[in-house]
C-alpha atoms as a PDB file:
ATOM      1  CA  UNK A   1      40.944   7.673 -19.844  1.00  0.00           C
ATOM      2  CA  UNK A   2      37.333   8.389 -20.508  1.00  0.00           C
ATOM      3  CA  UNK A   3      34.903   8.501 -17.974  1.00  0.00           C
ATOM      4  CA  UNK A   4      32.418   6.039 -17.685  1.00  0.00           C
ATOM      5  CA  UNK A   5      28.777   7.288 -17.824  1.00  0.00           C
ATOM      6  CA  UNK A   6      26.697   5.424 -14.450  1.00  0.00           C
ATOM      7  CA  UNK A   7      23.780   3.898 -16.694  1.00  0.00           C
ATOM      8  CA  UNK A   8      20.646   5.812 -16.845  1.00  0.00           C
ATOM      9  CA  UNK A   9      18.163   3.231 -16.887  1.00  0.00           C
ATOM     10  CA  UNK A  10      19.544  -0.064 -14.849  1.00  0.00           C
ATOM     11  CA  UNK A  11      17.824  -3.341 -16.423  1.00  0.00           C
ATOM     12  CA  UNK A  12      18.045  -5.068 -12.775  1.00  0.00           C
ATOM     13  CA  UNK A  13      15.471  -1.772 -11.527  1.00  0.00           C
ATOM     14  CA  UNK A  14      13.424  -2.899 -14.211  1.00  0.00           C
ATOM     15  CA  UNK A  15      13.164  -6.315 -13.368  1.00  0.00           C
ATOM     16  CA  UNK A  16      12.590  -5.438  -9.988  1.00  0.00           C
ATOM     17  CA  UNK A  17       9.801  -3.332 -10.446  1.00  0.00           C
ATOM     18  CA  UNK A  18       8.452  -5.862 -12.349  1.00  0.00           C
ATOM     19  CA  UNK A  19       8.729  -8.793  -9.574  1.00  0.00           C
ATOM     20  CA  UNK A  20       7.694  -5.792  -6.887  1.00  0.00           C
ATOM     21  CA  UNK A  21       4.495  -5.079  -8.293  1.00  0.00           C
ATOM     22  CA  UNK A  22       4.066  -8.449  -9.700  1.00  0.00           C
ATOM     23  CA  UNK A  23       5.273 -10.993  -6.275  1.00  0.00           C
ATOM     24  CA  UNK A  24       4.591  -8.839  -3.938  1.00  0.00           C
ATOM     25  CA  UNK A  25       1.860  -6.410  -4.194  1.00  0.00           C
ATOM     26  CA  UNK A  26       0.277  -5.047  -0.621  1.00  0.00           C
ATOM     27  CA  UNK A  27      -3.086  -6.567  -2.141  1.00  0.00           C
ATOM     28  CA  UNK A  28      -4.179  -8.435  -5.590  1.00  0.00           C
ATOM     29  CA  UNK A  29      -5.774  -5.415  -6.700  1.00  0.00           C
ATOM     30  CA  UNK A  30      -2.629  -3.811  -6.947  1.00  0.00           C
ATOM     31  CA  UNK A  31      -0.939  -6.284  -9.327  1.00  0.00           C
ATOM     32  CA  UNK A  32      -2.662  -4.831 -12.393  1.00  0.00           C
ATOM     33  CA  UNK A  33      -3.991  -1.592 -13.883  1.00  0.00           C
ATOM     34  CA  UNK A  34      -7.764  -0.277 -12.785  1.00  0.00           C
ATOM     35  CA  UNK A  35      -8.839   0.427 -15.932  1.00  0.00           C
ATOM     36  CA  UNK A  36      -8.765  -3.099 -17.506  1.00  0.00           C
ATOM     37  CA  UNK A  37      -7.661  -5.407 -15.037  1.00  0.00           C
ATOM     38  CA  UNK A  38      -5.244  -7.001 -16.829  1.00  0.00           C
ATOM     39  CA  UNK A  39      -2.337  -4.641 -17.802  1.00  0.00           C
ATOM     40  CA  UNK A  40       0.394  -5.136 -15.504  1.00  0.00           C
ATOM     41  CA  UNK A  41       0.882  -2.438 -13.164  1.00  0.00           C
ATOM     42  CA  UNK A  42       4.649  -2.407 -13.051  1.00  0.00           C
ATOM     43  CA  UNK A  43       3.701  -0.698 -16.539  1.00  0.00           C
ATOM     44  CA  UNK A  44       2.874   2.665 -14.841  1.00  0.00           C
ATOM     45  CA  UNK A  45       6.418   2.944 -13.203  1.00  0.00           C
ATOM     46  CA  UNK A  46       8.078   2.084 -16.008  1.00  0.00           C
ATOM     47  CA  UNK A  47       6.210   4.526 -18.160  1.00  0.00           C
ATOM     48  CA  UNK A  48       6.946   7.139 -16.013  1.00  0.00           C
ATOM     49  CA  UNK A  49      10.609   6.257 -16.178  1.00  0.00           C
ATOM     50  CA  UNK A  50      10.948   5.606 -19.951  1.00  0.00           C
ATOM     51  CA  UNK A  51       9.245   8.938 -20.459  1.00  0.00           C
ATOM     52  CA  UNK A  52      11.296  10.931 -18.565  1.00  0.00           C
ATOM     53  CA  UNK A  53      14.632   9.116 -19.930  1.00  0.00           C
ATOM     54  CA  UNK A  54      13.153  11.163 -23.224  1.00  0.00           C
ATOM     55  CA  UNK A  55      13.197  14.699 -21.652  1.00  0.00           C
ATOM     56  CA  UNK A  56      15.684  16.198 -24.005  1.00  0.00           C
ATOM     57  CA  UNK A  57      15.649  19.128 -22.023  1.00  0.00           C
ATOM     58  CA  UNK A  58      16.490  18.127 -18.841  1.00  0.00           C
ATOM     59  CA  UNK A  59      20.400  17.280 -17.304  1.00  0.00           C
ATOM     60  CA  UNK A  60      21.414  13.892 -17.118  1.00  0.00           C
ATOM     61  CA  UNK A  61      21.333  14.204 -13.404  1.00  0.00           C
ATOM     62  CA  UNK A  62      17.561  15.347 -12.839  1.00  0.00           C
ATOM     63  CA  UNK A  63      16.707  12.275 -15.343  1.00  0.00           C
ATOM     64  CA  UNK A  64      18.895   9.943 -13.524  1.00  0.00           C
ATOM     65  CA  UNK A  65      17.687  10.286  -9.728  1.00  0.00           C
ATOM     66  CA  UNK A  66      14.290  10.686 -11.619  1.00  0.00           C
ATOM     67  CA  UNK A  67      14.241   7.591 -13.327  1.00  0.00           C
ATOM     68  CA  UNK A  68      14.895   5.683  -9.839  1.00  0.00           C
ATOM     69  CA  UNK A  69      12.865   7.813  -8.363  1.00  0.00           C
ATOM     70  CA  UNK A  70       9.660   6.932 -10.682  1.00  0.00           C
ATOM     71  CA  UNK A  71      10.217   3.181 -10.779  1.00  0.00           C
ATOM     72  CA  UNK A  72      10.018   2.682  -7.434  1.00  0.00           C
ATOM     73  CA  UNK A  73       7.564   5.322  -6.536  1.00  0.00           C
ATOM     74  CA  UNK A  74       4.832   3.117  -5.747  1.00  0.00           C
ATOM     75  CA  UNK A  75       7.209   0.499  -3.852  1.00  0.00           C
ATOM     76  CA  UNK A  76       6.239   1.964  -0.070  1.00  0.00           C
ATOM     77  CA  UNK A  77       2.465   2.348  -0.685  1.00  0.00           C
ATOM     78  CA  UNK A  78       2.008  -0.674  -2.842  1.00  0.00           C
ATOM     79  CA  UNK A  79       3.969  -3.481  -2.189  1.00  0.00           C
ATOM     80  CA  UNK A  80       5.441  -5.349   0.611  1.00  0.00           C
ATOM     81  CA  UNK A  81       8.863  -5.421  -0.628  1.00  0.00           C
ATOM     82  CA  UNK A  82      11.823  -3.168   0.506  1.00  0.00           C
ATOM     83  CA  UNK A  83      13.464  -0.649  -1.282  1.00  0.00           C
ATOM     84  CA  UNK A  84      16.896  -1.818  -2.548  1.00  0.00           C
ATOM     85  CA  UNK A  85      19.699  -1.284  -0.502  1.00  0.00           C
ATOM     86  CA  UNK A  86      21.963   0.105  -3.865  1.00  0.00           C
ATOM     87  CA  UNK A  87      19.431   3.033  -4.750  1.00  0.00           C
ATOM     88  CA  UNK A  88      21.481   6.455  -4.497  1.00  0.00           C
ATOM     89  CA  UNK A  89      21.059   8.864  -1.265  1.00  0.00           C
ATOM     90  CA  UNK A  90      19.197  11.182  -3.490  1.00  0.00           C
ATOM     91  CA  UNK A  91      16.842   8.745  -4.901  1.00  0.00           C
ATOM     92  CA  UNK A  92      15.514   7.901  -1.738  1.00  0.00           C
ATOM     93  CA  UNK A  93      15.204  10.573  -0.193  1.00  0.00           C
ATOM     94  CA  UNK A  94      12.733  10.999  -3.738  1.00  0.00           C
ATOM     95  CA  UNK A  95      10.993   8.373  -3.282  1.00  0.00           C
ATOM     96  CA  UNK A  96      10.044   9.577   0.389  1.00  0.00           C
ATOM     97  CA  UNK A  97       9.252  12.619  -0.676  1.00  0.00           C
ATOM     98  CA  UNK A  98       6.422  11.056  -3.288  1.00  0.00           C
ATOM     99  CA  UNK A  99       5.525   8.754  -0.748  1.00  0.00           C
ATOM    100  CA  UNK A 100       1.913   9.880   0.304  1.00  0.00           C
ATOM    101  CA  UNK A 101       0.124   7.034   2.465  1.00  0.00           C
ATOM    102  CA  UNK A 102      -2.761   8.744   2.699  1.00  0.00           C
ATOM    103  CA  UNK A 103      -3.657   8.694  -0.794  1.00  0.00           C
ATOM    104  CA  UNK A 104      -4.277  11.758  -3.213  1.00  0.00           C
ATOM    105  CA  UNK A 105      -6.069  13.682  -1.199  1.00  0.00           C
ATOM    106  CA  UNK A 106      -3.105  14.266   1.516  1.00  0.00           C
ATOM    107  CA  UNK A 107      -0.799  14.276  -2.104  1.00  0.00           C
ATOM    108  CA  UNK A 108      -3.256  17.102  -3.366  1.00  0.00           C
ATOM    109  CA  UNK A 109      -2.656  18.735  -0.315  1.00  0.00           C
ATOM    110  CA  UNK A 110       1.215  18.322   0.814  1.00  0.00           C
ATOM    111  CA  UNK A 111       2.415  18.459  -2.781  1.00  0.00           C
ATOM    112  CA  UNK A 112       3.098  22.198  -2.546  1.00  0.00           C
ATOM    113  CA  UNK A 113       5.562  21.528   0.001  1.00  0.00           C
ATOM    114  CA  UNK A 114       7.625  19.351  -1.397  1.00  0.00           C
ATOM    115  CA  UNK A 115      10.671  20.785  -3.470  1.00  0.00           C
ATOM    116  CA  UNK A 116       9.763  21.349  -6.861  1.00  0.00           C
ATOM    117  CA  UNK A 117      12.044  18.583  -8.649  1.00  0.00           C
ATOM    118  CA  UNK A 118       9.282  16.307  -6.809  1.00  0.00           C
ATOM    119  CA  UNK A 119       6.781  18.360  -8.183  1.00  0.00           C
ATOM    120  CA  UNK A 120       8.561  17.630 -11.751  1.00  0.00           C
ATOM    121  CA  UNK A 121       8.336  13.863 -11.061  1.00  0.00           C
ATOM    122  CA  UNK A 122       5.240  13.424  -9.476  1.00  0.00           C
ATOM    123  CA  UNK A 123       3.710  14.979 -12.566  1.00  0.00           C
ATOM    124  CA  UNK A 124       4.948  12.025 -14.570  1.00  0.00           C
ATOM    125  CA  UNK A 125       3.077   9.927 -12.728  1.00  0.00           C
ATOM    126  CA  UNK A 126      -0.415  12.038 -12.728  1.00  0.00           C
ATOM    127  CA  UNK A 127      -0.597  12.076 -16.288  1.00  0.00           C
ATOM    128  CA  UNK A 128       0.089   8.300 -16.911  1.00  0.00           C
ATOM    129  CA  UNK A 129      -2.784   8.071 -14.385  1.00  0.00           C
ATOM    130  CA  UNK A 130      -5.065  10.396 -16.636  1.00  0.00           C
ATOM    131  CA  UNK A 131      -3.759   8.647 -19.325  1.00  0.00           C
ATOM    132  CA  UNK A 132      -5.717   5.043 -18.289  1.00  0.00           C
ATOM    133  CA  UNK A 133      -7.989   6.713 -15.872  1.00  0.00           C
ATOM    134  CA  UNK A 134     -11.018   5.311 -18.044  1.00  0.00           C
ATOM    135  CA  UNK A 135     -12.047   3.791 -14.047  1.00  0.00           C
ATOM    136  CA  UNK A 136     -12.314   7.449 -13.047  1.00  0.00           C
ATOM    137  CA  UNK A 137     -15.975   8.909 -12.260  1.00  0.00           C
ATOM    138  CA  UNK A 138     -16.804  12.327 -13.840  1.00  0.00           C
ATOM    139  CA  UNK A 139     -15.778  14.178 -10.996  1.00  0.00           C
ATOM    140  CA  UNK A 140     -12.233  12.327  -9.536  1.00  0.00           C
ATOM    141  CA  UNK A 141     -11.047  12.968 -13.428  1.00  0.00           C
ATOM    142  CA  UNK A 142     -11.960  16.929 -13.301  1.00  0.00           C
ATOM    143  CA  UNK A 143     -10.420  16.716  -9.873  1.00  0.00           C
ATOM    144  CA  UNK A 144      -7.295  14.910 -11.061  1.00  0.00           C
ATOM    145  CA  UNK A 145      -7.070  17.346 -14.144  1.00  0.00           C
ATOM    146  CA  UNK A 146      -7.162  20.062 -12.301  1.00  0.00           C
ATOM    147  CA  UNK A 147      -4.696  19.243  -9.683  1.00  0.00           C
ATOM    148  CA  UNK A 148      -2.255  18.489 -12.625  1.00  0.00           C
ATOM    149  CA  UNK A 149      -2.567  21.489 -14.679  1.00  0.00           C
ATOM    150  CA  UNK A 150      -2.132  23.262 -11.720  1.00  0.00           C
ATOM    151  CA  UNK A 151       1.388  20.633 -10.735  1.00  0.00           C
ATOM    152  CA  UNK A 152       2.628  21.067 -14.549  1.00  0.00           C
ATOM    153  CA  UNK A 153       2.153  25.158 -14.730  1.00  0.00           C
ATOM    154  CA  UNK A 154       4.528  25.328 -11.147  1.00  0.00           C
ATOM    155  CA  UNK A 155       6.852  22.573 -13.177  1.00  0.00           C
ATOM    156  CA  UNK A 156       7.112  24.751 -16.317  1.00  0.00           C
ATOM    157  CA  UNK A 157       7.777  27.826 -14.845  1.00  0.00           C
ATOM    158  CA  UNK A 158      11.140  26.318 -13.809  1.00  0.00           C
ATOM    159  CA  UNK A 159      11.923  23.741 -16.059  1.00  0.00           C
ATOM    160  CA  UNK A 160      10.477  25.101 -19.613  1.00  0.00           C
ATOM    161  CA  UNK A 161       8.186  23.292 -22.510  1.00  0.00           C
ATOM    162  CA  UNK A 162       9.082  19.851 -21.620  1.00  0.00           C
ATOM    163  CA  UNK A 163       7.354  16.817 -23.507  1.00  0.00           C
ATOM    164  CA  UNK A 164       5.232  16.022 -20.368  1.00  0.00           C
ATOM    165  CA  UNK A 165       4.273  19.078 -20.569  1.00  0.00           C
ATOM    166  CA  UNK A 166       2.852  18.971 -23.612  1.00  0.00           C
ATOM    167  CA  UNK A 167       1.655  15.849 -23.071  1.00  0.00           C
ATOM    168  CA  UNK A 168      -0.209  17.043 -19.752  1.00  0.00           C
ATOM    169  CA  UNK A 169      -2.169  19.772 -21.984  1.00  0.00           C
ATOM    170  CA  UNK A 170      -4.075  17.266 -23.921  1.00  0.00           C
ATOM    171  CA  UNK A 171      -4.679  14.799 -21.540  1.00  0.00           C
ATOM    172  CA  UNK A 172      -6.364  17.862 -18.940  1.00  0.00           C
ATOM    173  CA  UNK A 173      -8.041  19.531 -21.571  1.00  0.00           C
END
């Protein structure tokens, strides 16, 4: 009998994320992306998760856990909805590691104490933010680019030349 594989991306997670960022945003500005004020916020975690899903050089386990973590990574910070009870223990731990209530300044200081896999997943988050970072001041964008380059450099040492590393090189030039 053939063993049934777990779904890499569960449709119910996508629906849950859309609902959380649309109907449970901590404040109205958290329902949309900053750059245009109309792109739904949920596009960000979905982009992060689906981009990770296409990393052919990562194991299924790293992709599966990371997809859940990336889909839910902004829920604690940006919504009032509780995480679903059926998330894996690994995903919940990763989400907790990826959550910084003190914002990007706290993250940029504390990320270096986190497991490398958390840095891997954060690289998707940071690249996505840079892709639609037209709203950033010149100084903020430069800080963000430096941070993302350093983050991706550490990730590359462990995981090799991933798609996200190649994208990061382009958005941090």
